[in-house]
ModelCIF file with pLDDT and N, C-alpha, C, O atoms, coordinates in Angstrom:
data_MODEL
#
_entry.id   MODEL 
#
_entity.id                         1 
_entity.type                       polymer 
_entity.pdbx_number_of_molecules   1 
#
_entity_poly.entity_id                      1 
_entity_poly.type                           'polypeptide(L)' 
_entity_poly.nstd_linkage                   no 
_entity_poly.nstd_monomer                   no 
_entity_poly.pdbx_seq_one_letter_code       
;(UNK)(UNK)(UNK)(UNK)(UNK)(UNK)(UNK)(UNK)(UNK)(UNK)(UNK)(UNK)(UNK)(UNK)(UNK)(UNK)
(UNK)(UNK)(UNK)(UNK)(UNK)(UNK)(UNK)(UNK)(UNK)(UNK)(UNK)(UNK)(UNK)(UNK)(UNK)(UNK)
(UNK)(UNK)(UNK)(UNK)(UNK)(UNK)(UNK)(UNK)(UNK)(UNK)(UNK)(UNK)(UNK)(UNK)
;
_entity_poly.pdbx_seq_one_letter_code_can   XXXXXXXXXXXXXXXXXXXXXXXXXXXXXXXXXXXXXXXXXXXXXX 
_entity_poly.pdbx_strand_id                 A 
#
loop_
_entity_poly_seq.entity_id 
_entity_poly_seq.num 
_entity_poly_seq.mon_id 
_entity_poly_seq.hetero 
1 1  UNK n 
1 2  UNK n 
1 3  UNK n 
1 4  UNK n 
1 5  UNK n 
1 6  UNK n 
1 7  UNK n 
1 8  UNK n 
1 9  UNK n 
1 10 UNK n 
1 11 UNK n 
1 12 UNK n 
1 13 UNK n 
1 14 UNK n 
1 15 UNK n 
1 16 UNK n 
1 17 UNK n 
1 18 UNK n 
1 19 UNK n 
1 20 UNK n 
1 21 UNK n 
1 22 UNK n 
1 23 UNK n 
1 24 UNK n 
1 25 UNK n 
1 26 UNK n 
1 27 UNK n 
1 28 UNK n 
1 29 UNK n 
1 30 UNK n 
1 31 UNK n 
1 32 UNK n 
1 33 UNK n 
1 34 UNK n 
1 35 UNK n 
1 36 UNK n 
1 37 UNK n 
1 38 UNK n 
1 39 UNK n 
1 40 UNK n 
1 41 UNK n 
1 42 UNK n 
1 43 UNK n 
1 44 UNK n 
1 45 UNK n 
1 46 UNK n 
#
_struct_asym.id          A 
_struct_asym.entity_id   1 
#
loop_
_ma_qa_metric.id 
_ma_qa_metric.mode 
_ma_qa_metric.name 
_ma_qa_metric.software_group_id 
_ma_qa_metric.type 
1 global pLDDT . pLDDT 
2 local  pLDDT . pLDDT 
#
_ma_qa_metric_global.metric_id      1 
_ma_qa_metric_global.metric_value   96.67 
_ma_qa_metric_global.model_id       1 
_ma_qa_metric_global.ordinal_id     1 
#
loop_
_ma_qa_metric_local.label_asym_id 
_ma_qa_metric_local.label_comp_id 
_ma_qa_metric_local.label_seq_id 
_ma_qa_metric_local.metric_id 
_ma_qa_metric_local.metric_value 
_ma_qa_metric_local.model_id 
_ma_qa_metric_local.ordinal_id 
A UNK 1  2 97.00 1 1  
A UNK 2  2 97.00 1 2  
A UNK 3  2 98.00 1 3  
A UNK 4  2 98.00 1 4  
A UNK 5  2 98.00 1 5  
A UNK 6  2 98.00 1 6  
A UNK 7  2 98.00 1 7  
A UNK 8  2 98.00 1 8  
A UNK 9  2 96.00 1 9  
A UNK 10 2 92.00 1 10 
A UNK 11 2 92.00 1 11 
A UNK 12 2 94.00 1 12 
A UNK 13 2 97.00 1 13 
A UNK 14 2 98.00 1 14 
A UNK 15 2 97.00 1 15 
A UNK 16 2 98.00 1 16 
A UNK 17 2 98.00 1 17 
A UNK 18 2 98.00 1 18 
A UNK 19 2 97.00 1 19 
A UNK 20 2 98.00 1 20 
A UNK 21 2 98.00 1 21 
A UNK 22 2 97.00 1 22 
A UNK 23 2 98.00 1 23 
A UNK 24 2 98.00 1 24 
A UNK 25 2 98.00 1 25 
A UNK 26 2 98.00 1 26 
A UNK 27 2 97.00 1 27 
A UNK 28 2 96.00 1 28 
A UNK 29 2 95.00 1 29 
A UNK 30 2 92.00 1 30 
A UNK 31 2 91.00 1 31 
A UNK 32 2 93.00 1 32 
A UNK 33 2 93.00 1 33 
A UNK 34 2 96.00 1 34 
A UNK 35 2 97.00 1 35 
A UNK 36 2 98.00 1 36 
A UNK 37 2 98.00 1 37 
A UNK 38 2 98.00 1 38 
A UNK 39 2 98.00 1 39 
A UNK 40 2 98.00 1 40 
A UNK 41 2 98.00 1 41 
A UNK 42 2 98.00 1 42 
A UNK 43 2 97.00 1 43 
A UNK 44 2 97.00 1 44 
A UNK 45 2 96.00 1 45 
A UNK 46 2 97.00 1 46 
#
loop_
_atom_site.group_PDB 
_atom_site.id 
_atom_site.type_symbol 
_atom_site.label_atom_id 
_atom_site.label_alt_id 
_atom_site.label_comp_id 
_atom_site.label_asym_id 
_atom_site.label_entity_id 
_atom_site.label_seq_id 
_atom_site.pdbx_PDB_ins_code 
_atom_site.Cartn_x 
_atom_site.Cartn_y 
_atom_site.Cartn_z 
_atom_site.occupancy 
_atom_site.B_iso_or_equiv 
_atom_site.pdbx_formal_charge 
_atom_site.auth_seq_id 
_atom_site.auth_comp_id 
_atom_site.auth_asym_id 
_atom_site.auth_atom_id 
_atom_site.pdbx_PDB_model_num 
ATOM 1   N N  . UNK A 1 1  ? 0.902  -1.082 -0.116 1.00 97.00 ? 1  UNK A N  1 
ATOM 2   C CA . UNK A 1 1  ? -0.103 0.167  -0.148 1.00 97.00 ? 1  UNK A CA 1 
ATOM 3   C C  . UNK A 1 1  ? 0.872  1.188  0.019  1.00 97.00 ? 1  UNK A C  1 
ATOM 4   O O  . UNK A 1 1  ? 1.992  1.120  0.526  1.00 97.00 ? 1  UNK A O  1 
ATOM 5   N N  . UNK A 1 2  ? 0.135  2.345  -0.595 1.00 97.00 ? 2  UNK A N  1 
ATOM 6   C CA . UNK A 1 2  ? 0.962  3.652  -0.469 1.00 97.00 ? 2  UNK A CA 1 
ATOM 7   C C  . UNK A 1 2  ? 1.054  3.978  1.070  1.00 97.00 ? 2  UNK A C  1 
ATOM 8   O O  . UNK A 1 2  ? 0.091  3.862  1.828  1.00 97.00 ? 2  UNK A O  1 
ATOM 9   N N  . UNK A 1 3  ? 2.348  4.410  1.469  1.00 98.00 ? 3  UNK A N  1 
ATOM 10  C CA . UNK A 1 3  ? 2.583  5.018  2.617  1.00 98.00 ? 3  UNK A CA 1 
ATOM 11  C C  . UNK A 1 3  ? 3.058  6.343  2.849  1.00 98.00 ? 3  UNK A C  1 
ATOM 12  O O  . UNK A 1 3  ? 3.783  6.841  1.987  1.00 98.00 ? 3  UNK A O  1 
ATOM 13  N N  . UNK A 1 4  ? 2.793  6.942  3.789  1.00 98.00 ? 4  UNK A N  1 
ATOM 14  C CA . UNK A 1 4  ? 3.543  8.353  4.028  1.00 98.00 ? 4  UNK A CA 1 
ATOM 15  C C  . UNK A 1 4  ? 4.862  8.317  4.455  1.00 98.00 ? 4  UNK A C  1 
ATOM 16  O O  . UNK A 1 4  ? 5.259  7.764  5.481  1.00 98.00 ? 4  UNK A O  1 
ATOM 17  N N  . UNK A 1 5  ? 5.599  8.979  3.564  1.00 98.00 ? 5  UNK A N  1 
ATOM 18  C CA . UNK A 1 5  ? 7.123  9.182  4.118  1.00 98.00 ? 5  UNK A CA 1 
ATOM 19  C C  . UNK A 1 5  ? 7.418  10.355 5.023  1.00 98.00 ? 5  UNK A C  1 
ATOM 20  O O  . UNK A 1 5  ? 7.892  10.254 6.155  1.00 98.00 ? 5  UNK A O  1 
ATOM 21  N N  . UNK A 1 6  ? 7.051  11.616 4.337  1.00 98.00 ? 6  UNK A N  1 
ATOM 22  C CA . UNK A 1 6  ? 7.097  12.763 5.303  1.00 98.00 ? 6  UNK A CA 1 
ATOM 23  C C  . UNK A 1 6  ? 6.078  14.001 4.649  1.00 98.00 ? 6  UNK A C  1 
ATOM 24  O O  . UNK A 1 6  ? 5.559  14.121 3.539  1.00 98.00 ? 6  UNK A O  1 
ATOM 25  N N  . UNK A 1 7  ? 6.058  14.649 5.587  1.00 98.00 ? 7  UNK A N  1 
ATOM 26  C CA . UNK A 1 7  ? 5.116  16.005 5.132  1.00 98.00 ? 7  UNK A CA 1 
ATOM 27  C C  . UNK A 1 7  ? 5.146  16.890 5.965  1.00 98.00 ? 7  UNK A C  1 
ATOM 28  O O  . UNK A 1 7  ? 5.202  16.625 7.166  1.00 98.00 ? 7  UNK A O  1 
ATOM 29  N N  . UNK A 1 8  ? 5.113  18.216 5.465  1.00 98.00 ? 8  UNK A N  1 
ATOM 30  C CA . UNK A 1 8  ? 5.528  19.531 6.091  1.00 98.00 ? 8  UNK A CA 1 
ATOM 31  C C  . UNK A 1 8  ? 4.241  20.203 6.061  1.00 98.00 ? 8  UNK A C  1 
ATOM 32  O O  . UNK A 1 8  ? 3.347  19.874 5.282  1.00 98.00 ? 8  UNK A O  1 
ATOM 33  N N  . UNK A 1 9  ? 4.129  21.309 7.054  1.00 96.00 ? 9  UNK A N  1 
ATOM 34  C CA . UNK A 1 9  ? 2.851  22.303 6.802  1.00 96.00 ? 9  UNK A CA 1 
ATOM 35  C C  . UNK A 1 9  ? 3.417  23.459 6.635  1.00 96.00 ? 9  UNK A C  1 
ATOM 36  O O  . UNK A 1 9  ? 4.629  23.670 6.693  1.00 96.00 ? 9  UNK A O  1 
ATOM 37  N N  . UNK A 1 10 ? 2.558  24.257 6.420  1.00 92.00 ? 10 UNK A N  1 
ATOM 38  C CA . UNK A 1 10 ? 2.958  25.627 6.069  1.00 92.00 ? 10 UNK A CA 1 
ATOM 39  C C  . UNK A 1 10 ? 3.946  26.458 6.956  1.00 92.00 ? 10 UNK A C  1 
ATOM 40  O O  . UNK A 1 10 ? 4.780  27.262 6.539  1.00 92.00 ? 10 UNK A O  1 
ATOM 41  N N  . UNK A 1 11 ? 3.704  26.124 8.223  1.00 92.00 ? 11 UNK A N  1 
ATOM 42  C CA . UNK A 1 11 ? 4.474  26.555 9.276  1.00 92.00 ? 11 UNK A CA 1 
ATOM 43  C C  . UNK A 1 11 ? 5.860  26.154 9.410  1.00 92.00 ? 11 UNK A C  1 
ATOM 44  O O  . UNK A 1 11 ? 6.712  26.715 10.099 1.00 92.00 ? 11 UNK A O  1 
ATOM 45  N N  . UNK A 1 12 ? 6.005  25.090 8.657  1.00 94.00 ? 12 UNK A N  1 
ATOM 46  C CA . UNK A 1 12 ? 7.222  24.122 8.902  1.00 94.00 ? 12 UNK A CA 1 
ATOM 47  C C  . UNK A 1 12 ? 7.366  23.074 9.653  1.00 94.00 ? 12 UNK A C  1 
ATOM 48  O O  . UNK A 1 12 ? 8.398  22.403 9.605  1.00 94.00 ? 12 UNK A O  1 
ATOM 49  N N  . UNK A 1 13 ? 6.365  22.787 10.445 1.00 97.00 ? 13 UNK A N  1 
ATOM 50  C CA . UNK A 1 13 ? 6.201  21.379 11.506 1.00 97.00 ? 13 UNK A CA 1 
ATOM 51  C C  . UNK A 1 13 ? 6.225  20.557 10.482 1.00 97.00 ? 13 UNK A C  1 
ATOM 52  O O  . UNK A 1 13 ? 5.763  20.806 9.368  1.00 97.00 ? 13 UNK A O  1 
ATOM 53  N N  . UNK A 1 14 ? 6.904  19.290 10.912 1.00 98.00 ? 14 UNK A N  1 
ATOM 54  C CA . UNK A 1 14 ? 7.201  17.982 9.963  1.00 98.00 ? 14 UNK A CA 1 
ATOM 55  C C  . UNK A 1 14 ? 6.716  16.711 10.688 1.00 98.00 ? 14 UNK A C  1 
ATOM 56  O O  . UNK A 1 14 ? 6.737  16.446 11.890 1.00 98.00 ? 14 UNK A O  1 
ATOM 57  N N  . UNK A 1 15 ? 6.297  16.032 9.685  1.00 97.00 ? 15 UNK A N  1 
ATOM 58  C CA . UNK A 1 15 ? 6.139  14.175 10.731 1.00 97.00 ? 15 UNK A CA 1 
ATOM 59  C C  . UNK A 1 15 ? 6.898  13.413 9.268  1.00 97.00 ? 15 UNK A C  1 
ATOM 60  O O  . UNK A 1 15 ? 6.907  13.703 8.071  1.00 97.00 ? 15 UNK A O  1 
ATOM 61  N N  . UNK A 1 16 ? 7.461  12.371 10.051 1.00 98.00 ? 16 UNK A N  1 
ATOM 62  C CA . UNK A 1 16 ? 8.122  11.314 9.257  1.00 98.00 ? 16 UNK A CA 1 
ATOM 63  C C  . UNK A 1 16 ? 7.716  9.959  9.449  1.00 98.00 ? 16 UNK A C  1 
ATOM 64  O O  . UNK A 1 16 ? 7.141  9.649  10.492 1.00 98.00 ? 16 UNK A O  1 
ATOM 65  N N  . UNK A 1 17 ? 7.942  9.153  8.596  1.00 98.00 ? 17 UNK A N  1 
ATOM 66  C CA . UNK A 1 17 ? 7.541  7.821  8.833  1.00 98.00 ? 17 UNK A CA 1 
ATOM 67  C C  . UNK A 1 17 ? 9.028  7.054  9.678  1.00 98.00 ? 17 UNK A C  1 
ATOM 68  O O  . UNK A 1 17 ? 10.193 7.207  9.308  1.00 98.00 ? 17 UNK A O  1 
ATOM 69  N N  . UNK A 1 18 ? 8.624  6.346  10.700 1.00 98.00 ? 18 UNK A N  1 
ATOM 70  C CA . UNK A 1 18 ? 9.543  6.033  11.618 1.00 98.00 ? 18 UNK A CA 1 
ATOM 71  C C  . UNK A 1 18 ? 11.118 5.449  10.861 1.00 98.00 ? 18 UNK A C  1 
ATOM 72  O O  . UNK A 1 18 ? 12.258 5.582  11.309 1.00 98.00 ? 18 UNK A O  1 
ATOM 73  N N  . UNK A 1 19 ? 10.692 4.824  9.661  1.00 97.00 ? 19 UNK A N  1 
ATOM 74  C CA . UNK A 1 19 ? 11.545 4.304  8.809  1.00 97.00 ? 19 UNK A CA 1 
ATOM 75  C C  . UNK A 1 19 ? 12.509 5.090  8.132  1.00 97.00 ? 19 UNK A C  1 
ATOM 76  O O  . UNK A 1 19 ? 13.482 4.662  7.511  1.00 97.00 ? 19 UNK A O  1 
ATOM 77  N N  . UNK A 1 20 ? 12.143 6.366  8.308  1.00 98.00 ? 20 UNK A N  1 
ATOM 78  C CA . UNK A 1 20 ? 13.226 7.314  7.430  1.00 98.00 ? 20 UNK A CA 1 
ATOM 79  C C  . UNK A 1 20 ? 13.614 8.372  8.252  1.00 98.00 ? 20 UNK A C  1 
ATOM 80  O O  . UNK A 1 20 ? 14.241 9.332  7.803  1.00 98.00 ? 20 UNK A O  1 
ATOM 81  N N  . UNK A 1 21 ? 13.198 8.242  9.743  1.00 98.00 ? 21 UNK A N  1 
ATOM 82  C CA . UNK A 1 21 ? 13.949 9.216  10.583 1.00 98.00 ? 21 UNK A CA 1 
ATOM 83  C C  . UNK A 1 21 ? 15.153 9.244  10.714 1.00 98.00 ? 21 UNK A C  1 
ATOM 84  O O  . UNK A 1 21 ? 15.792 8.212  10.919 1.00 98.00 ? 21 UNK A O  1 
ATOM 85  N N  . UNK A 1 22 ? 15.688 10.383 10.627 1.00 97.00 ? 22 UNK A N  1 
ATOM 86  C CA . UNK A 1 22 ? 17.096 10.405 10.694 1.00 97.00 ? 22 UNK A CA 1 
ATOM 87  C C  . UNK A 1 22 ? 17.936 10.502 9.443  1.00 97.00 ? 22 UNK A C  1 
ATOM 88  O O  . UNK A 1 22 ? 19.075 10.969 9.476  1.00 97.00 ? 22 UNK A O  1 
ATOM 89  N N  . UNK A 1 23 ? 17.335 10.034 8.280  1.00 98.00 ? 23 UNK A N  1 
ATOM 90  C CA . UNK A 1 23 ? 17.886 9.743  7.039  1.00 98.00 ? 23 UNK A CA 1 
ATOM 91  C C  . UNK A 1 23 ? 17.392 10.559 6.022  1.00 98.00 ? 23 UNK A C  1 
ATOM 92  O O  . UNK A 1 23 ? 18.076 11.014 5.105  1.00 98.00 ? 23 UNK A O  1 
ATOM 93  N N  . UNK A 1 24 ? 15.907 10.785 6.230  1.00 98.00 ? 24 UNK A N  1 
ATOM 94  C CA . UNK A 1 24 ? 15.446 11.844 4.968  1.00 98.00 ? 24 UNK A CA 1 
ATOM 95  C C  . UNK A 1 24 ? 15.246 13.048 5.732  1.00 98.00 ? 24 UNK A C  1 
ATOM 96  O O  . UNK A 1 24 ? 15.258 13.061 6.963  1.00 98.00 ? 24 UNK A O  1 
ATOM 97  N N  . UNK A 1 25 ? 15.029 14.227 4.883  1.00 98.00 ? 25 UNK A N  1 
ATOM 98  C CA . UNK A 1 25 ? 14.674 15.523 5.355  1.00 98.00 ? 25 UNK A CA 1 
ATOM 99  C C  . UNK A 1 25 ? 13.612 16.068 4.436  1.00 98.00 ? 25 UNK A C  1 
ATOM 100 O O  . UNK A 1 25 ? 13.893 16.071 3.238  1.00 98.00 ? 25 UNK A O  1 
ATOM 101 N N  . UNK A 1 26 ? 12.467 16.519 4.797  1.00 98.00 ? 26 UNK A N  1 
ATOM 102 C CA . UNK A 1 26 ? 11.513 17.539 4.019  1.00 98.00 ? 26 UNK A CA 1 
ATOM 103 C C  . UNK A 1 26 ? 11.711 18.914 4.325  1.00 98.00 ? 26 UNK A C  1 
ATOM 104 O O  . UNK A 1 26 ? 11.857 19.444 5.426  1.00 98.00 ? 26 UNK A O  1 
ATOM 105 N N  . UNK A 1 27 ? 11.693 19.432 3.139  1.00 97.00 ? 27 UNK A N  1 
ATOM 106 C CA . UNK A 1 27 ? 11.629 21.069 3.293  1.00 97.00 ? 27 UNK A CA 1 
ATOM 107 C C  . UNK A 1 27 ? 10.545 21.692 2.300  1.00 97.00 ? 27 UNK A C  1 
ATOM 108 O O  . UNK A 1 27 ? 9.801  20.922 1.693  1.00 97.00 ? 27 UNK A O  1 
ATOM 109 N N  . UNK A 1 28 ? 10.450 22.970 2.137  1.00 96.00 ? 28 UNK A N  1 
ATOM 110 C CA . UNK A 1 28 ? 9.567  23.601 1.332  1.00 96.00 ? 28 UNK A CA 1 
ATOM 111 C C  . UNK A 1 28 ? 9.857  24.891 1.246  1.00 96.00 ? 28 UNK A C  1 
ATOM 112 O O  . UNK A 1 28 ? 10.245 25.541 2.216  1.00 96.00 ? 28 UNK A O  1 
ATOM 113 N N  . UNK A 1 29 ? 9.676  25.426 -0.055 1.00 95.00 ? 29 UNK A N  1 
ATOM 114 C CA . UNK A 1 29 ? 9.823  26.923 -0.473 1.00 95.00 ? 29 UNK A CA 1 
ATOM 115 C C  . UNK A 1 29 ? 8.523  27.178 -0.761 1.00 95.00 ? 29 UNK A C  1 
ATOM 116 O O  . UNK A 1 29 ? 7.931  26.626 -1.689 1.00 95.00 ? 29 UNK A O  1 
ATOM 117 N N  . UNK A 1 30 ? 7.956  28.105 0.088  1.00 92.00 ? 30 UNK A N  1 
ATOM 118 C CA . UNK A 1 30 ? 6.605  28.692 0.092  1.00 92.00 ? 30 UNK A CA 1 
ATOM 119 C C  . UNK A 1 30 ? 6.565  29.592 -1.048 1.00 92.00 ? 30 UNK A C  1 
ATOM 120 O O  . UNK A 1 30 ? 5.537  29.711 -1.713 1.00 92.00 ? 30 UNK A O  1 
ATOM 121 N N  . UNK A 1 31 ? 7.559  30.188 -1.290 1.00 91.00 ? 31 UNK A N  1 
ATOM 122 C CA . UNK A 1 31 ? 7.368  31.404 -2.472 1.00 91.00 ? 31 UNK A CA 1 
ATOM 123 C C  . UNK A 1 31 ? 7.564  30.648 -3.851 1.00 91.00 ? 31 UNK A C  1 
ATOM 124 O O  . UNK A 1 31 ? 7.333  31.329 -4.850 1.00 91.00 ? 31 UNK A O  1 
ATOM 125 N N  . UNK A 1 32 ? 7.943  29.379 -4.036 1.00 93.00 ? 32 UNK A N  1 
ATOM 126 C CA . UNK A 1 32 ? 7.993  28.736 -5.287 1.00 93.00 ? 32 UNK A CA 1 
ATOM 127 C C  . UNK A 1 32 ? 7.089  27.609 -5.157 1.00 93.00 ? 32 UNK A C  1 
ATOM 128 O O  . UNK A 1 32 ? 7.153  26.875 -6.143 1.00 93.00 ? 32 UNK A O  1 
ATOM 129 N N  . UNK A 1 33 ? 6.303  27.242 -4.307 1.00 93.00 ? 33 UNK A N  1 
ATOM 130 C CA . UNK A 1 33 ? 5.178  26.136 -4.169 1.00 93.00 ? 33 UNK A CA 1 
ATOM 131 C C  . UNK A 1 33 ? 6.089  24.930 -4.351 1.00 93.00 ? 33 UNK A C  1 
ATOM 132 O O  . UNK A 1 33 ? 5.907  24.040 -5.182 1.00 93.00 ? 33 UNK A O  1 
ATOM 133 N N  . UNK A 1 34 ? 6.942  24.993 -3.608 1.00 96.00 ? 34 UNK A N  1 
ATOM 134 C CA . UNK A 1 34 ? 8.121  23.609 -4.008 1.00 96.00 ? 34 UNK A CA 1 
ATOM 135 C C  . UNK A 1 34 ? 8.426  22.714 -2.798 1.00 96.00 ? 34 UNK A C  1 
ATOM 136 O O  . UNK A 1 34 ? 8.851  23.288 -1.796 1.00 96.00 ? 34 UNK A O  1 
ATOM 137 N N  . UNK A 1 35 ? 8.271  21.438 -2.763 1.00 97.00 ? 35 UNK A N  1 
ATOM 138 C CA . UNK A 1 35 ? 8.619  20.932 -1.606 1.00 97.00 ? 35 UNK A CA 1 
ATOM 139 C C  . UNK A 1 35 ? 9.882  19.916 -1.964 1.00 97.00 ? 35 UNK A C  1 
ATOM 140 O O  . UNK A 1 35 ? 10.023 19.492 -3.111 1.00 97.00 ? 35 UNK A O  1 
ATOM 141 N N  . UNK A 1 36 ? 10.603 19.633 -1.107 1.00 98.00 ? 36 UNK A N  1 
ATOM 142 C CA . UNK A 1 36 ? 11.871 18.721 -1.483 1.00 98.00 ? 36 UNK A CA 1 
ATOM 143 C C  . UNK A 1 36 ? 12.000 17.668 -0.624 1.00 98.00 ? 36 UNK A C  1 
ATOM 144 O O  . UNK A 1 36 ? 11.619 17.872 0.529  1.00 98.00 ? 36 UNK A O  1 
ATOM 145 N N  . UNK A 1 37 ? 12.411 16.666 -0.877 1.00 98.00 ? 37 UNK A N  1 
ATOM 146 C CA . UNK A 1 37 ? 12.802 15.284 0.090  1.00 98.00 ? 37 UNK A CA 1 
ATOM 147 C C  . UNK A 1 37 ? 14.196 15.139 -0.324 1.00 98.00 ? 37 UNK A C  1 
ATOM 148 O O  . UNK A 1 37 ? 14.453 14.956 -1.514 1.00 98.00 ? 37 UNK A O  1 
ATOM 149 N N  . UNK A 1 38 ? 15.133 15.205 0.573  1.00 98.00 ? 38 UNK A N  1 
ATOM 150 C CA . UNK A 1 38 ? 16.498 15.051 0.605  1.00 98.00 ? 38 UNK A CA 1 
ATOM 151 C C  . UNK A 1 38 ? 16.653 13.422 1.455  1.00 98.00 ? 38 UNK A C  1 
ATOM 152 O O  . UNK A 1 38 ? 16.469 13.229 2.656  1.00 98.00 ? 38 UNK A O  1 
ATOM 153 N N  . UNK A 1 39 ? 17.060 12.344 0.360  1.00 98.00 ? 39 UNK A N  1 
ATOM 154 C CA . UNK A 1 39 ? 16.996 11.126 1.118  1.00 98.00 ? 39 UNK A CA 1 
ATOM 155 C C  . UNK A 1 39 ? 18.479 10.500 0.959  1.00 98.00 ? 39 UNK A C  1 
ATOM 156 O O  . UNK A 1 39 ? 19.048 10.304 -0.115 1.00 98.00 ? 39 UNK A O  1 
ATOM 157 N N  . UNK A 1 40 ? 18.957 10.243 2.174  1.00 98.00 ? 40 UNK A N  1 
ATOM 158 C CA . UNK A 1 40 ? 20.462 10.050 2.240  1.00 98.00 ? 40 UNK A CA 1 
ATOM 159 C C  . UNK A 1 40 ? 20.291 8.534  3.104  1.00 98.00 ? 40 UNK A C  1 
ATOM 160 O O  . UNK A 1 40 ? 19.283 8.188  3.720  1.00 98.00 ? 40 UNK A O  1 
ATOM 161 N N  . UNK A 1 41 ? 21.458 7.822  2.969  1.00 98.00 ? 41 UNK A N  1 
ATOM 162 C CA . UNK A 1 41 ? 21.560 6.711  3.582  1.00 98.00 ? 41 UNK A CA 1 
ATOM 163 C C  . UNK A 1 41 ? 20.546 5.597  2.943  1.00 98.00 ? 41 UNK A C  1 
ATOM 164 O O  . UNK A 1 41 ? 19.897 4.754  3.563  1.00 98.00 ? 41 UNK A O  1 
ATOM 165 N N  . UNK A 1 42 ? 20.580 5.781  1.801  1.00 98.00 ? 42 UNK A N  1 
ATOM 166 C CA . UNK A 1 42 ? 19.284 4.890  1.173  1.00 98.00 ? 42 UNK A CA 1 
ATOM 167 C C  . UNK A 1 42 ? 19.607 3.355  1.175  1.00 98.00 ? 42 UNK A C  1 
ATOM 168 O O  . UNK A 1 42 ? 20.712 2.823  1.082  1.00 98.00 ? 42 UNK A O  1 
ATOM 169 N N  . UNK A 1 43 ? 18.362 2.769  1.305  1.00 97.00 ? 43 UNK A N  1 
ATOM 170 C CA . UNK A 1 43 ? 18.463 1.351  1.473  1.00 97.00 ? 43 UNK A CA 1 
ATOM 171 C C  . UNK A 1 43 ? 17.466 0.606  0.620  1.00 97.00 ? 43 UNK A C  1 
ATOM 172 O O  . UNK A 1 43 ? 16.334 1.044  0.416  1.00 97.00 ? 43 UNK A O  1 
ATOM 173 N N  . UNK A 1 44 ? 17.894 -0.477 0.151  1.00 97.00 ? 44 UNK A N  1 
ATOM 174 C CA . UNK A 1 44 ? 16.923 -1.100 -0.770 1.00 97.00 ? 44 UNK A CA 1 
ATOM 175 C C  . UNK A 1 44 ? 15.660 -1.109 -0.666 1.00 97.00 ? 44 UNK A C  1 
ATOM 176 O O  . UNK A 1 44 ? 14.886 -1.020 -1.619 1.00 97.00 ? 44 UNK A O  1 
ATOM 177 N N  . UNK A 1 45 ? 15.291 -1.240 0.730  1.00 96.00 ? 45 UNK A N  1 
ATOM 178 C CA . UNK A 1 45 ? 13.831 -1.041 1.148  1.00 96.00 ? 45 UNK A CA 1 
ATOM 179 C C  . UNK A 1 45 ? 12.926 0.239  1.034  1.00 96.00 ? 45 UNK A C  1 
ATOM 180 O O  . UNK A 1 45 ? 11.720 0.374  1.240  1.00 96.00 ? 45 UNK A O  1 
ATOM 181 N N  . UNK A 1 46 ? 13.938 1.184  0.621  1.00 97.00 ? 46 UNK A N  1 
ATOM 182 C CA . UNK A 1 46 ? 13.304 2.606  -0.001 1.00 97.00 ? 46 UNK A CA 1 
ATOM 183 C C  . UNK A 1 46 ? 12.978 2.567  -1.208 1.00 97.00 ? 46 UNK A C  1 
ATOM 184 O O  . UNK A 1 46 ? 12.503 3.564  -1.752 1.00 97.00 ? 46 UNK A O  1 
#
C-alpha cells in the first residue's frame, strides 16, 4: 500500500515515517510552491 514518507505544514512542522527518521529530510519553499525530499543513506527497502 501507499505509505506516508514525510510531510510538512505551511508553518514548517514536519512528520516522518519511523523508517526514514534520521535519514530523510523534507523542506519547502512557499514562495516557489515547491517541496523537497532529501534522502540519505538509502536502503533497498526505500
